[in-house]
Amino acid sequence: MKAWNISRFSAATLLGVSITLAACARTGQPSLDQVTSVGPWEEARLRGATFRAVGQEPGWSLDIHPGRLRYVGDYGETTIVTPAPGPDEVVPGTVVHNVTTEAHTLRITIREISCADSMSGVRLSHEVTIVVDGRELRGCGQPLNQSTIDGINWKLVALHGTPVVTG
């Protein structure tokens, strides 16, 4: 991932890039019901998830949507869908969500550390730990709508010379 310091660009240049990128947005994108062969990552994105994580033994997944979380665990035997409060803890590179429902408690820790999926070996951008009802699960995840230019993921690290705190 390359770092991008916006102070090197003028406001007019940034406005022009924004308008150009907006003009390139796809229109008429099919709905999930119209798409017959999408994988789980693309399906989650089409359903509005902004972050997805997966783990193994037992198999689980977590989709974070604006305003809600969806956890599926124990190879699909357990599903928890709950409103997502804002993060409870945010420090550079780490976000923690604590969620309590009538039947379950979840503590989700997302750390910006490269992580390899234990089954596929695929490298993802975040390490994820979920504690579900006292049982700790580990896996990997990544944002579903990363900003790319020419196929390269960019991360804003400074704005007008001031470091941007991530988390």
Foldseek 3Di string as FASTA:
>chain_A
DDEDECLVDDPVVVVVVVVVVVVPDDPPDDQPVPDDDDDPLVNLVSVAFFKKKWAVDPTKMWTHHQQWIWIATRVRPDIDIDGFDAFPDDFFQKTWGWDDDPVKTKIKIKGQPWDAHPPPRDIEGIWIWMQIRNRITTTHMYTSDFDDDPNDGYDHQYYSRHGDGDD
